[in-house]
Amino acid sequence: MVRQAERAAAERSDPELVAMALARDPEGFRAIMRRYNQRLFRIARGILRDDAMAEDALQDAYLKAFRHLADFEGASAFSTWLTRIVMNEALGRLRKASRTPEVPVDTAAMQSRILDFPTGSPIDNPETTMAQRQILKLVEEATDSLPEEFRLVFIARVIEEMSVEETAELLSLKPETVRSRLHRARALLRRQLDEMIGPIALDAFPFAGWKCDRLTERVMERLAGK
């Protein structure tokens, strides 16, 4: 019955899921998170450039969004409204971090977390093999090295496959600015990755499987504990 309810919710439109969430239906919240976890995690990580910080920011952003669902008026797409909340949360954390004295980081531990989001066995998921992990790590590092104004456009347009118009609305830019920044981002990345940018970039920064489920359940627990 639970699986059936999840499948039924997943097939609903965003307005229907918002209505379910406003009615405090747990399946509405879960379906929203499962639909947007990957996109929103990638956006948060694109700003913060750290897996753990991005996951924390995403969790808090969901809570803020769910507690203010009644404020969503439909002037923009629900996905855009959600993404802006995540961006604001991540940018706020980035500004706060810039004012905080630097603390030594365990780089070995950080590297062990990069792209470590198992969704099954290596046999079922060839992308978890060491060779591909190394390539994706290069893509991740190259993307992280981009200046923020280029990095966010690249993530939105290439990794998330958002349209020029969607990206412009999300980032409050003119469409021609989005195009020029994407061109510049590709040029910068090409110096480091050459032919790797296209299909491999689409698999960078995954957020699925058990980690997606874990974040979803954490948010649900915090909502229930209000």
N, C-alpha and C. Protein backbone atom coordinates (compact mmCIF):
# COMPACT_ATOMS: atom_id res chain seq x y z
N MET A 1 0.82 -1.21 0.00
CA MET A 1 0.00 0.00 0.00
C MET A 1 0.86 1.26 0.00
N VAL A 2 1.98 1.23 0.77
CA VAL A 2 2.85 2.40 0.84
C VAL A 2 3.45 2.70 -0.52
N ARG A 3 3.98 1.66 -1.17
CA ARG A 3 4.57 1.83 -2.50
C ARG A 3 3.54 2.35 -3.48
N GLN A 4 2.34 1.82 -3.38
CA GLN A 4 1.29 2.24 -4.29
C GLN A 4 0.97 3.72 -4.09
N ALA A 5 0.95 4.16 -2.84
CA ALA A 5 0.67 5.57 -2.53
C ALA A 5 1.79 6.45 -3.07
N GLU A 6 3.04 5.98 -2.94
CA GLU A 6 4.18 6.73 -3.45
C GLU A 6 4.09 6.90 -4.97
N ARG A 7 3.75 5.80 -5.66
CA ARG A 7 3.65 5.84 -7.12
C ARG A 7 2.53 6.78 -7.55
N ALA A 8 1.41 6.73 -6.83
CA ALA A 8 0.28 7.58 -7.18
C ALA A 8 0.65 9.05 -7.01
N ALA A 9 1.36 9.37 -5.91
CA ALA A 9 1.76 10.75 -5.66
C ALA A 9 2.76 11.22 -6.70
N ALA A 10 3.67 10.34 -7.10
CA ALA A 10 4.71 10.70 -8.07
C ALA A 10 4.12 11.09 -9.42
N GLU A 11 2.93 10.60 -9.72
CA GLU A 11 2.30 10.89 -11.01
C GLU A 11 1.50 12.18 -10.99
N ARG A 12 1.37 12.80 -9.84
CA ARG A 12 0.58 14.03 -9.73
C ARG A 12 1.38 15.24 -10.20
N SER A 13 0.70 16.28 -10.59
CA SER A 13 1.34 17.53 -11.02
C SER A 13 1.85 18.29 -9.80
N ASP A 14 2.69 19.28 -10.04
CA ASP A 14 3.19 20.09 -8.93
C ASP A 14 2.06 20.77 -8.15
N PRO A 15 1.09 21.41 -8.82
CA PRO A 15 0.00 22.03 -8.06
C PRO A 15 -0.76 21.02 -7.18
N GLU A 16 -0.92 19.81 -7.69
CA GLU A 16 -1.60 18.78 -6.90
C GLU A 16 -0.78 18.39 -5.69
N LEU A 17 0.55 18.30 -5.87
CA LEU A 17 1.41 17.95 -4.74
C LEU A 17 1.45 19.08 -3.71
N VAL A 18 1.44 20.32 -4.19
CA VAL A 18 1.40 21.46 -3.26
C VAL A 18 0.12 21.41 -2.44
N ALA A 19 -1.00 21.11 -3.10
CA ALA A 19 -2.28 21.01 -2.39
C ALA A 19 -2.23 19.90 -1.35
N MET A 20 -1.61 18.76 -1.70
CA MET A 20 -1.47 17.66 -0.75
C MET A 20 -0.63 18.08 0.45
N ALA A 21 0.46 18.78 0.18
CA ALA A 21 1.35 19.21 1.26
C ALA A 21 0.65 20.23 2.16
N LEU A 22 -0.11 21.14 1.56
CA LEU A 22 -0.86 22.12 2.35
C LEU A 22 -1.89 21.44 3.24
N ALA A 23 -2.37 20.28 2.80
CA ALA A 23 -3.32 19.50 3.59
C ALA A 23 -2.59 18.59 4.58
N ARG A 24 -1.26 18.76 4.66
CA ARG A 24 -0.41 17.98 5.58
C ARG A 24 -0.39 16.50 5.24
N ASP A 25 -0.52 16.18 3.97
CA ASP A 25 -0.43 14.79 3.52
C ASP A 25 1.05 14.45 3.37
N PRO A 26 1.59 13.51 4.14
CA PRO A 26 3.02 13.17 4.06
C PRO A 26 3.47 12.78 2.67
N GLU A 27 2.61 12.12 1.90
CA GLU A 27 3.01 11.69 0.56
C GLU A 27 3.23 12.89 -0.36
N GLY A 28 2.56 13.99 -0.10
CA GLY A 28 2.80 15.19 -0.89
C GLY A 28 4.19 15.72 -0.67
N PHE A 29 4.61 15.80 0.60
CA PHE A 29 5.96 16.25 0.92
C PHE A 29 7.01 15.33 0.30
N ARG A 30 6.81 14.03 0.50
CA ARG A 30 7.79 13.05 -0.01
C ARG A 30 7.91 13.12 -1.53
N ALA A 31 6.78 13.23 -2.21
CA ALA A 31 6.81 13.26 -3.68
C ALA A 31 7.52 14.52 -4.18
N ILE A 32 7.31 15.65 -3.52
CA ILE A 32 8.00 16.88 -3.91
C ILE A 32 9.51 16.70 -3.78
N MET A 33 9.95 16.15 -2.65
CA MET A 33 11.39 15.98 -2.42
C MET A 33 12.00 14.99 -3.40
N ARG A 34 11.31 13.89 -3.63
CA ARG A 34 11.87 12.90 -4.56
C ARG A 34 11.93 13.46 -5.99
N ARG A 35 11.01 14.32 -6.33
CA ARG A 35 11.00 14.91 -7.67
C ARG A 35 12.14 15.91 -7.85
N TYR A 36 12.49 16.64 -6.80
CA TYR A 36 13.44 17.74 -6.97
C TYR A 36 14.75 17.58 -6.21
N ASN A 37 14.94 16.49 -5.50
CA ASN A 37 16.17 16.31 -4.72
C ASN A 37 17.43 16.49 -5.57
N GLN A 38 17.49 15.83 -6.70
CA GLN A 38 18.72 15.87 -7.49
C GLN A 38 19.03 17.29 -7.97
N ARG A 39 18.02 17.94 -8.57
CA ARG A 39 18.25 19.29 -9.09
C ARG A 39 18.68 20.24 -7.97
N LEU A 40 17.97 20.20 -6.85
CA LEU A 40 18.23 21.16 -5.78
C LEU A 40 19.56 20.88 -5.09
N PHE A 41 19.91 19.60 -4.97
CA PHE A 41 21.21 19.29 -4.38
C PHE A 41 22.33 19.82 -5.27
N ARG A 42 22.19 19.63 -6.57
CA ARG A 42 23.23 20.11 -7.49
C ARG A 42 23.37 21.62 -7.44
N ILE A 43 22.25 22.32 -7.33
CA ILE A 43 22.29 23.78 -7.23
C ILE A 43 23.00 24.19 -5.95
N ALA A 44 22.62 23.58 -4.84
CA ALA A 44 23.25 23.91 -3.55
C ALA A 44 24.74 23.59 -3.57
N ARG A 45 25.07 22.45 -4.15
CA ARG A 45 26.48 22.07 -4.19
C ARG A 45 27.27 22.97 -5.13
N GLY A 46 26.62 23.42 -6.20
CA GLY A 46 27.28 24.32 -7.12
C GLY A 46 27.69 25.62 -6.45
N ILE A 47 26.92 26.03 -5.44
CA ILE A 47 27.25 27.24 -4.70
C ILE A 47 28.26 26.96 -3.60
N LEU A 48 28.03 25.91 -2.83
CA LEU A 48 28.84 25.64 -1.64
C LEU A 48 30.09 24.80 -1.92
N ARG A 49 30.05 24.01 -2.99
CA ARG A 49 31.18 23.17 -3.38
C ARG A 49 31.61 22.20 -2.28
N ASP A 50 30.63 21.70 -1.57
CA ASP A 50 30.89 20.72 -0.52
C ASP A 50 29.63 19.88 -0.34
N ASP A 51 29.79 18.56 -0.39
CA ASP A 51 28.64 17.66 -0.33
C ASP A 51 27.84 17.81 0.96
N ALA A 52 28.54 17.76 2.10
CA ALA A 52 27.85 17.80 3.39
C ALA A 52 27.14 19.13 3.61
N MET A 53 27.81 20.22 3.27
CA MET A 53 27.19 21.54 3.43
C MET A 53 25.98 21.68 2.53
N ALA A 54 26.07 21.15 1.31
CA ALA A 54 24.95 21.23 0.37
C ALA A 54 23.76 20.44 0.88
N GLU A 55 24.01 19.26 1.45
CA GLU A 55 22.92 18.45 1.97
C GLU A 55 22.24 19.14 3.14
N ASP A 56 23.02 19.74 4.04
CA ASP A 56 22.45 20.47 5.17
C ASP A 56 21.62 21.66 4.69
N ALA A 57 22.16 22.39 3.72
CA ALA A 57 21.45 23.56 3.19
C ALA A 57 20.13 23.14 2.54
N LEU A 58 20.16 22.02 1.82
CA LEU A 58 18.96 21.54 1.14
C LEU A 58 17.90 21.14 2.16
N GLN A 59 18.32 20.47 3.21
CA GLN A 59 17.38 20.04 4.24
C GLN A 59 16.68 21.25 4.87
N ASP A 60 17.45 22.27 5.24
CA ASP A 60 16.86 23.46 5.86
C ASP A 60 16.01 24.25 4.87
N ALA A 61 16.42 24.26 3.61
CA ALA A 61 15.64 24.96 2.60
C ALA A 61 14.28 24.30 2.40
N TYR A 62 14.25 22.98 2.40
CA TYR A 62 12.97 22.28 2.29
C TYR A 62 12.05 22.67 3.45
N LEU A 63 12.59 22.69 4.65
CA LEU A 63 11.77 23.03 5.81
C LEU A 63 11.20 24.45 5.68
N LYS A 64 12.03 25.38 5.23
CA LYS A 64 11.55 26.75 5.03
C LYS A 64 10.46 26.78 3.97
N ALA A 65 10.67 26.06 2.88
CA ALA A 65 9.69 26.05 1.80
C ALA A 65 8.37 25.44 2.27
N PHE A 66 8.45 24.31 2.97
CA PHE A 66 7.24 23.63 3.39
C PHE A 66 6.46 24.45 4.43
N ARG A 67 7.19 25.20 5.24
CA ARG A 67 6.52 26.02 6.26
C ARG A 67 5.91 27.29 5.66
N HIS A 68 6.28 27.61 4.41
CA HIS A 68 5.75 28.80 3.75
C HIS A 68 5.07 28.46 2.43
N LEU A 69 4.57 27.23 2.33
CA LEU A 69 3.92 26.81 1.09
C LEU A 69 2.73 27.71 0.75
N ALA A 70 2.06 28.20 1.77
CA ALA A 70 0.89 29.05 1.52
C ALA A 70 1.28 30.35 0.84
N ASP A 71 2.56 30.72 0.89
CA ASP A 71 3.03 31.95 0.25
C ASP A 71 3.29 31.77 -1.24
N PHE A 72 3.32 30.52 -1.70
CA PHE A 72 3.54 30.27 -3.13
C PHE A 72 2.29 30.66 -3.90
N GLU A 73 2.43 31.67 -4.75
CA GLU A 73 1.27 32.21 -5.46
C GLU A 73 1.19 31.76 -6.91
N GLY A 74 2.18 31.02 -7.38
CA GLY A 74 2.13 30.52 -8.75
C GLY A 74 2.57 31.51 -9.79
N ALA A 75 3.21 32.62 -9.37
CA ALA A 75 3.69 33.61 -10.35
C ALA A 75 4.80 33.03 -11.21
N SER A 76 5.55 32.10 -10.66
CA SER A 76 6.58 31.37 -11.41
C SER A 76 6.34 29.89 -11.20
N ALA A 77 7.11 29.05 -11.89
CA ALA A 77 6.96 27.60 -11.72
C ALA A 77 7.33 27.22 -10.29
N PHE A 78 6.68 26.20 -9.76
CA PHE A 78 6.97 25.75 -8.41
C PHE A 78 8.43 25.35 -8.27
N SER A 79 8.98 24.73 -9.31
CA SER A 79 10.39 24.33 -9.28
C SER A 79 11.30 25.54 -9.15
N THR A 80 10.95 26.63 -9.82
CA THR A 80 11.75 27.86 -9.73
C THR A 80 11.65 28.46 -8.33
N TRP A 81 10.45 28.45 -7.77
CA TRP A 81 10.25 28.96 -6.41
C TRP A 81 11.09 28.17 -5.41
N LEU A 82 11.07 26.85 -5.53
CA LEU A 82 11.87 25.99 -4.66
C LEU A 82 13.36 26.25 -4.83
N THR A 83 13.78 26.35 -6.08
CA THR A 83 15.20 26.53 -6.36
C THR A 83 15.72 27.84 -5.79
N ARG A 84 14.91 28.89 -5.86
CA ARG A 84 15.34 30.17 -5.31
C ARG A 84 15.53 30.08 -3.80
N ILE A 85 14.67 29.34 -3.13
CA ILE A 85 14.81 29.17 -1.68
C ILE A 85 16.11 28.44 -1.36
N VAL A 86 16.40 27.40 -2.14
CA VAL A 86 17.64 26.66 -1.94
C VAL A 86 18.86 27.54 -2.22
N MET A 87 18.80 28.31 -3.29
CA MET A 87 19.91 29.20 -3.61
C MET A 87 20.14 30.22 -2.50
N ASN A 88 19.07 30.81 -2.00
CA ASN A 88 19.20 31.79 -0.93
C ASN A 88 19.80 31.17 0.33
N GLU A 89 19.37 29.94 0.64
CA GLU A 89 19.91 29.25 1.81
C GLU A 89 21.40 28.96 1.62
N ALA A 90 21.76 28.47 0.44
CA ALA A 90 23.17 28.14 0.18
C ALA A 90 24.03 29.40 0.16
N LEU A 91 23.54 30.46 -0.48
CA LEU A 91 24.31 31.70 -0.54
C LEU A 91 24.47 32.31 0.84
N GLY A 92 23.44 32.20 1.67
CA GLY A 92 23.55 32.70 3.04
C GLY A 92 24.61 31.96 3.82
N ARG A 93 24.67 30.64 3.65
CA ARG A 93 25.70 29.85 4.33
C ARG A 93 27.09 30.18 3.79
N LEU A 94 27.16 30.46 2.48
CA LEU A 94 28.46 30.80 1.89
C LEU A 94 28.96 32.12 2.46
N ARG A 95 28.07 33.10 2.58
CA ARG A 95 28.47 34.39 3.14
C ARG A 95 28.89 34.24 4.59
N LYS A 96 28.15 33.42 5.34
CA LYS A 96 28.49 33.20 6.74
C LYS A 96 29.85 32.52 6.87
N ALA A 97 30.10 31.54 5.99
CA ALA A 97 31.37 30.82 6.03
C ALA A 97 32.55 31.74 5.72
N SER A 98 32.31 32.72 4.84
CA SER A 98 33.39 33.63 4.46
C SER A 98 33.78 34.55 5.61
N ARG A 99 32.87 34.69 6.61
CA ARG A 99 33.18 35.53 7.77
C ARG A 99 33.72 34.72 8.94
N THR A 100 33.78 33.39 8.74
CA THR A 100 34.22 32.50 9.81
C THR A 100 35.69 32.13 9.61
N PRO A 101 36.51 32.16 10.69
CA PRO A 101 37.92 31.75 10.55
C PRO A 101 38.03 30.34 9.97
N GLU A 102 38.97 30.17 9.09
CA GLU A 102 39.12 28.88 8.40
C GLU A 102 39.55 27.79 9.37
N VAL A 103 38.92 26.64 9.25
CA VAL A 103 39.25 25.48 10.08
C VAL A 103 39.90 24.43 9.19
N PRO A 104 40.98 23.79 9.65
CA PRO A 104 41.63 22.76 8.82
C PRO A 104 40.65 21.68 8.41
N VAL A 105 40.73 21.26 7.16
CA VAL A 105 39.81 20.26 6.63
C VAL A 105 40.55 18.95 6.38
N ASP A 106 39.91 17.85 6.73
CA ASP A 106 40.47 16.53 6.48
C ASP A 106 40.24 16.21 5.01
N THR A 107 41.19 16.54 4.16
CA THR A 107 41.00 16.39 2.71
C THR A 107 40.82 14.94 2.31
N ALA A 108 41.46 14.02 3.02
CA ALA A 108 41.30 12.61 2.68
C ALA A 108 39.86 12.17 2.89
N ALA A 109 39.28 12.62 4.01
CA ALA A 109 37.88 12.28 4.29
C ALA A 109 36.96 12.93 3.28
N MET A 110 37.27 14.17 2.89
CA MET A 110 36.46 14.86 1.90
C MET A 110 36.47 14.12 0.58
N GLN A 111 37.64 13.67 0.15
CA GLN A 111 37.75 12.97 -1.12
C GLN A 111 36.98 11.67 -1.10
N SER A 112 36.95 11.02 0.07
CA SER A 112 36.25 9.74 0.14
C SER A 112 34.75 9.91 -0.02
N ARG A 113 34.24 11.15 0.20
CA ARG A 113 32.81 11.38 0.08
C ARG A 113 32.41 11.79 -1.33
N ILE A 114 33.36 12.25 -2.12
CA ILE A 114 33.03 12.78 -3.44
C ILE A 114 32.37 11.72 -4.31
N LEU A 115 31.18 12.03 -4.76
CA LEU A 115 30.42 11.15 -5.66
C LEU A 115 30.14 9.78 -5.08
N ASP A 116 30.18 9.65 -3.75
CA ASP A 116 29.94 8.35 -3.13
C ASP A 116 28.47 8.23 -2.76
N PHE A 117 27.62 8.12 -3.77
CA PHE A 117 26.20 7.99 -3.56
C PHE A 117 25.73 6.68 -4.18
N PRO A 118 26.01 5.52 -3.56
CA PRO A 118 25.68 4.24 -4.18
C PRO A 118 24.19 4.07 -4.36
N THR A 119 23.79 3.59 -5.52
CA THR A 119 22.39 3.30 -5.79
C THR A 119 22.18 1.82 -6.08
N GLY A 120 23.18 1.03 -5.85
CA GLY A 120 23.08 -0.40 -6.09
C GLY A 120 24.46 -1.00 -6.17
N SER A 121 24.58 -2.20 -6.70
CA SER A 121 25.87 -2.85 -6.80
C SER A 121 26.63 -2.33 -8.01
N PRO A 122 27.97 -2.44 -8.01
CA PRO A 122 28.75 -2.01 -9.17
C PRO A 122 28.32 -2.68 -10.47
N ILE A 123 27.82 -3.91 -10.34
CA ILE A 123 27.40 -4.62 -11.54
C ILE A 123 26.16 -3.94 -12.13
N ASP A 124 25.23 -3.54 -11.24
CA ASP A 124 24.01 -2.91 -11.71
C ASP A 124 24.25 -1.47 -12.14
N ASN A 125 25.30 -0.85 -11.58
CA ASN A 125 25.56 0.56 -11.84
C ASN A 125 27.01 0.75 -12.27
N PRO A 126 27.31 0.64 -13.56
CA PRO A 126 28.69 0.77 -14.04
C PRO A 126 29.32 2.11 -13.67
N GLU A 127 28.46 3.16 -13.42
CA GLU A 127 29.01 4.47 -13.10
C GLU A 127 29.73 4.50 -11.77
N THR A 128 29.54 3.44 -10.95
CA THR A 128 30.22 3.41 -9.66
C THR A 128 31.60 2.78 -9.75
N THR A 129 32.02 2.37 -10.90
CA THR A 129 33.37 1.80 -11.05
C THR A 129 34.41 2.88 -10.81
N MET A 130 35.58 2.48 -10.43
CA MET A 130 36.64 3.43 -10.09
C MET A 130 37.00 4.34 -11.24
N ALA A 131 37.08 3.81 -12.44
CA ALA A 131 37.48 4.64 -13.58
C ALA A 131 36.51 5.79 -13.78
N GLN A 132 35.21 5.49 -13.75
CA GLN A 132 34.25 6.56 -13.98
C GLN A 132 34.20 7.53 -12.81
N ARG A 133 34.40 7.01 -11.60
CA ARG A 133 34.46 7.91 -10.45
C ARG A 133 35.58 8.93 -10.62
N GLN A 134 36.69 8.47 -11.12
CA GLN A 134 37.82 9.38 -11.30
C GLN A 134 37.51 10.45 -12.34
N ILE A 135 36.84 10.04 -13.40
CA ILE A 135 36.47 11.01 -14.44
C ILE A 135 35.45 12.01 -13.89
N LEU A 136 34.44 11.51 -13.18
CA LEU A 136 33.44 12.40 -12.62
C LEU A 136 34.06 13.33 -11.59
N LYS A 137 35.06 12.86 -10.88
CA LYS A 137 35.75 13.70 -9.91
C LYS A 137 36.45 14.86 -10.62
N LEU A 138 37.03 14.56 -11.79
CA LEU A 138 37.66 15.63 -12.58
C LEU A 138 36.63 16.65 -13.03
N VAL A 139 35.47 16.17 -13.47
CA VAL A 139 34.41 17.08 -13.89
C VAL A 139 33.96 17.94 -12.72
N GLU A 140 33.78 17.29 -11.58
CA GLU A 140 33.35 18.00 -10.38
C GLU A 140 34.34 19.09 -9.99
N GLU A 141 35.62 18.74 -9.99
CA GLU A 141 36.66 19.69 -9.61
C GLU A 141 36.75 20.84 -10.62
N ALA A 142 36.63 20.51 -11.89
CA ALA A 142 36.70 21.54 -12.92
C ALA A 142 35.51 22.49 -12.81
N THR A 143 34.33 21.95 -12.53
CA THR A 143 33.15 22.79 -12.36
C THR A 143 33.29 23.66 -11.12
N ASP A 144 33.80 23.07 -10.05
CA ASP A 144 34.02 23.84 -8.82
C ASP A 144 34.96 25.01 -9.03
N SER A 145 35.88 24.87 -9.96
CA SER A 145 36.88 25.91 -10.18
C SER A 145 36.34 27.12 -10.95
N LEU A 146 35.16 26.97 -11.53
CA LEU A 146 34.58 28.09 -12.28
C LEU A 146 34.18 29.23 -11.34
N PRO A 147 34.32 30.46 -11.77
CA PRO A 147 33.77 31.58 -10.99
C PRO A 147 32.27 31.37 -10.81
N GLU A 148 31.73 31.83 -9.69
CA GLU A 148 30.35 31.53 -9.33
C GLU A 148 29.34 31.90 -10.43
N GLU A 149 29.51 33.09 -11.05
CA GLU A 149 28.52 33.52 -12.03
C GLU A 149 28.48 32.60 -13.25
N PHE A 150 29.61 31.97 -13.58
CA PHE A 150 29.65 31.01 -14.68
C PHE A 150 29.22 29.63 -14.20
N ARG A 151 29.61 29.29 -12.97
CA ARG A 151 29.31 27.95 -12.43
C ARG A 151 27.81 27.71 -12.34
N LEU A 152 27.06 28.69 -11.83
CA LEU A 152 25.62 28.50 -11.67
C LEU A 152 24.91 28.39 -13.01
N VAL A 153 25.34 29.16 -13.97
CA VAL A 153 24.75 29.06 -15.31
C VAL A 153 25.06 27.69 -15.92
N PHE A 154 26.29 27.23 -15.77
CA PHE A 154 26.68 25.93 -16.33
C PHE A 154 25.87 24.80 -15.70
N ILE A 155 25.72 24.83 -14.38
CA ILE A 155 24.96 23.78 -13.70
C ILE A 155 23.50 23.80 -14.15
N ALA A 156 22.92 24.98 -14.23
CA ALA A 156 21.51 25.08 -14.64
C ALA A 156 21.31 24.62 -16.08
N ARG A 157 22.16 25.10 -16.99
CA ARG A 157 21.96 24.82 -18.41
C ARG A 157 22.43 23.44 -18.84
N VAL A 158 23.60 23.03 -18.39
CA VAL A 158 24.20 21.78 -18.88
C VAL A 158 23.84 20.59 -18.00
N ILE A 159 24.05 20.72 -16.69
CA ILE A 159 23.81 19.58 -15.80
C ILE A 159 22.32 19.38 -15.57
N GLU A 160 21.58 20.48 -15.32
CA GLU A 160 20.15 20.36 -15.08
C GLU A 160 19.32 20.46 -16.36
N GLU A 161 19.95 20.82 -17.47
CA GLU A 161 19.27 20.91 -18.76
C GLU A 161 18.08 21.87 -18.73
N MET A 162 18.21 22.95 -17.97
CA MET A 162 17.18 23.99 -17.95
C MET A 162 17.31 24.83 -19.22
N SER A 163 16.21 25.41 -19.66
CA SER A 163 16.25 26.25 -20.86
C SER A 163 16.91 27.59 -20.53
N VAL A 164 17.25 28.34 -21.58
CA VAL A 164 17.82 29.67 -21.38
C VAL A 164 16.84 30.53 -20.58
N GLU A 165 15.56 30.46 -20.92
CA GLU A 165 14.55 31.28 -20.27
C GLU A 165 14.41 30.88 -18.80
N GLU A 166 14.40 29.59 -18.50
CA GLU A 166 14.30 29.13 -17.12
C GLU A 166 15.50 29.58 -16.31
N THR A 167 16.68 29.46 -16.90
CA THR A 167 17.90 29.87 -16.21
C THR A 167 17.92 31.37 -15.96
N ALA A 168 17.48 32.12 -16.95
CA ALA A 168 17.44 33.58 -16.80
C ALA A 168 16.49 33.98 -15.67
N GLU A 169 15.33 33.32 -15.61
CA GLU A 169 14.38 33.63 -14.55
C GLU A 169 14.93 33.25 -13.19
N LEU A 170 15.54 32.08 -13.12
CA LEU A 170 16.09 31.58 -11.86
C LEU A 170 17.16 32.51 -11.31
N LEU A 171 18.06 32.96 -12.17
CA LEU A 171 19.21 33.73 -11.73
C LEU A 171 19.03 35.24 -11.89
N SER A 172 17.84 35.63 -12.31
CA SER A 172 17.54 37.06 -12.52
C SER A 172 18.52 37.70 -13.50
N LEU A 173 18.68 37.04 -14.64
CA LEU A 173 19.59 37.51 -15.68
C LEU A 173 18.82 37.70 -16.99
N LYS A 174 19.41 38.41 -17.91
CA LYS A 174 18.85 38.50 -19.25
C LYS A 174 19.24 37.24 -20.02
N PRO A 175 18.42 36.76 -20.93
CA PRO A 175 18.76 35.56 -21.70
C PRO A 175 20.11 35.66 -22.40
N GLU A 176 20.43 36.84 -22.94
CA GLU A 176 21.72 36.98 -23.62
C GLU A 176 22.89 36.86 -22.66
N THR A 177 22.67 37.25 -21.39
CA THR A 177 23.71 37.09 -20.37
C THR A 177 23.92 35.61 -20.06
N VAL A 178 22.81 34.87 -19.99
CA VAL A 178 22.91 33.43 -19.76
C VAL A 178 23.72 32.78 -20.88
N ARG A 179 23.43 33.16 -22.12
CA ARG A 179 24.14 32.56 -23.26
C ARG A 179 25.63 32.89 -23.22
N SER A 180 25.96 34.14 -22.92
CA SER A 180 27.37 34.54 -22.91
C SER A 180 28.12 33.87 -21.77
N ARG A 181 27.47 33.75 -20.61
CA ARG A 181 28.14 33.11 -19.47
C ARG A 181 28.32 31.61 -19.70
N LEU A 182 27.35 31.00 -20.34
CA LEU A 182 27.50 29.58 -20.65
C LEU A 182 28.65 29.37 -21.63
N HIS A 183 28.74 30.23 -22.63
CA HIS A 183 29.83 30.14 -23.59
C HIS A 183 31.18 30.27 -22.89
N ARG A 184 31.27 31.21 -21.97
CA ARG A 184 32.51 31.42 -21.23
C ARG A 184 32.81 30.22 -20.32
N ALA A 185 31.79 29.68 -19.68
CA ALA A 185 31.98 28.53 -18.80
C ALA A 185 32.50 27.33 -19.59
N ARG A 186 31.91 27.10 -20.75
CA ARG A 186 32.36 25.97 -21.58
C ARG A 186 33.82 26.16 -22.00
N ALA A 187 34.18 27.39 -22.35
CA ALA A 187 35.55 27.65 -22.77
C ALA A 187 36.53 27.38 -21.64
N LEU A 188 36.17 27.80 -20.42
CA LEU A 188 37.04 27.57 -19.27
C LEU A 188 37.17 26.08 -18.95
N LEU A 189 36.06 25.37 -19.03
CA LEU A 189 36.08 23.94 -18.74
C LEU A 189 36.83 23.15 -19.81
N ARG A 190 36.69 23.60 -21.04
CA ARG A 190 37.31 22.89 -22.14
C ARG A 190 38.82 22.85 -22.00
N ARG A 191 39.37 23.86 -21.38
CA ARG A 191 40.82 23.88 -21.17
C ARG A 191 41.26 22.71 -20.29
N GLN A 192 40.39 22.31 -19.38
CA GLN A 192 40.75 21.23 -18.46
C GLN A 192 40.21 19.87 -18.88
N LEU A 193 39.05 19.86 -19.52
CA LEU A 193 38.38 18.58 -19.79
C LEU A 193 38.27 18.20 -21.25
N ASP A 194 38.45 19.17 -22.14
CA ASP A 194 38.39 18.94 -23.57
C ASP A 194 37.07 18.26 -23.94
N GLU A 195 37.11 16.99 -24.33
CA GLU A 195 35.91 16.31 -24.83
C GLU A 195 35.02 15.74 -23.73
N MET A 196 35.39 15.89 -22.45
CA MET A 196 34.64 15.24 -21.38
C MET A 196 33.35 15.96 -21.00
N ILE A 197 33.18 17.22 -21.38
CA ILE A 197 32.13 18.06 -20.82
C ILE A 197 30.73 17.47 -21.04
N GLY A 198 30.37 17.10 -22.27
CA GLY A 198 29.00 16.74 -22.61
C GLY A 198 28.29 15.73 -21.75
N PRO A 199 28.31 14.44 -22.12
CA PRO A 199 27.50 13.47 -21.40
C PRO A 199 27.96 13.21 -19.99
N ILE A 200 29.28 13.33 -19.72
CA ILE A 200 29.77 13.02 -18.38
C ILE A 200 29.29 14.05 -17.38
N ALA A 201 29.23 15.32 -17.77
CA ALA A 201 28.80 16.38 -16.86
C ALA A 201 27.38 16.14 -16.37
N LEU A 202 26.57 15.49 -17.20
CA LEU A 202 25.19 15.25 -16.80
C LEU A 202 25.09 14.29 -15.63
N ASP A 203 26.13 13.46 -15.41
CA ASP A 203 26.11 12.50 -14.32
C ASP A 203 26.84 13.01 -13.08
N ALA A 204 27.37 14.23 -13.14
CA ALA A 204 28.11 14.76 -12.00
C ALA A 204 27.14 15.13 -10.88
N PHE A 205 27.65 15.13 -9.67
CA PHE A 205 26.90 15.52 -8.48
C PHE A 205 25.59 14.75 -8.33
N PRO A 206 25.59 13.43 -8.36
CA PRO A 206 24.33 12.69 -8.23
C PRO A 206 23.77 12.83 -6.83
N PHE A 207 22.47 12.66 -6.71
CA PHE A 207 21.84 12.69 -5.40
C PHE A 207 20.63 11.79 -5.48
N ALA A 208 20.86 10.50 -5.38
CA ALA A 208 19.78 9.55 -5.56
C ALA A 208 19.97 8.40 -4.59
N GLY A 209 19.13 7.37 -4.75
CA GLY A 209 19.28 6.18 -3.93
C GLY A 209 19.11 6.46 -2.45
N TRP A 210 19.95 5.79 -1.62
CA TRP A 210 19.78 5.86 -0.17
C TRP A 210 19.98 7.26 0.37
N LYS A 211 20.83 8.07 -0.26
CA LYS A 211 21.07 9.41 0.28
C LYS A 211 19.86 10.30 0.05
N CYS A 212 19.23 10.17 -1.10
CA CYS A 212 17.99 10.90 -1.37
C CYS A 212 16.92 10.49 -0.36
N ASP A 213 16.79 9.18 -0.13
CA ASP A 213 15.80 8.69 0.82
C ASP A 213 16.09 9.20 2.22
N ARG A 214 17.36 9.22 2.62
CA ARG A 214 17.73 9.66 3.96
C ARG A 214 17.35 11.11 4.20
N LEU A 215 17.66 11.98 3.23
CA LEU A 215 17.32 13.39 3.40
C LEU A 215 15.81 13.58 3.46
N THR A 216 15.10 12.86 2.59
CA THR A 216 13.64 12.97 2.59
C THR A 216 13.06 12.61 3.95
N GLU A 217 13.54 11.51 4.54
CA GLU A 217 13.01 11.08 5.84
C GLU A 217 13.41 12.04 6.95
N ARG A 218 14.60 12.63 6.88
CA ARG A 218 15.01 13.61 7.89
C ARG A 218 14.08 14.82 7.88
N VAL A 219 13.77 15.31 6.69
CA VAL A 219 12.87 16.46 6.60
C VAL A 219 11.50 16.08 7.14
N MET A 220 11.01 14.89 6.81
CA MET A 220 9.70 14.46 7.29
C MET A 220 9.68 14.38 8.81
N GLU A 221 10.78 13.89 9.42
CA GLU A 221 10.86 13.80 10.87
C GLU A 221 10.83 15.18 11.52
N ARG A 222 11.53 16.13 10.89
CA ARG A 222 11.57 17.49 11.45
C ARG A 222 10.24 18.20 11.28
N LEU A 223 9.55 17.91 10.18
CA LEU A 223 8.22 18.48 10.00
C LEU A 223 7.24 17.94 11.05
N ALA A 224 7.34 16.66 11.32
CA ALA A 224 6.45 16.03 12.29
C ALA A 224 6.72 16.54 13.70
N GLY A 225 7.96 16.98 13.92
CA GLY A 225 8.34 17.42 15.27
C GLY A 225 8.09 18.89 15.52
N LYS A 226 7.40 19.56 14.61
CA LYS A 226 7.12 21.00 14.77
C LYS A 226 6.38 21.27 16.09
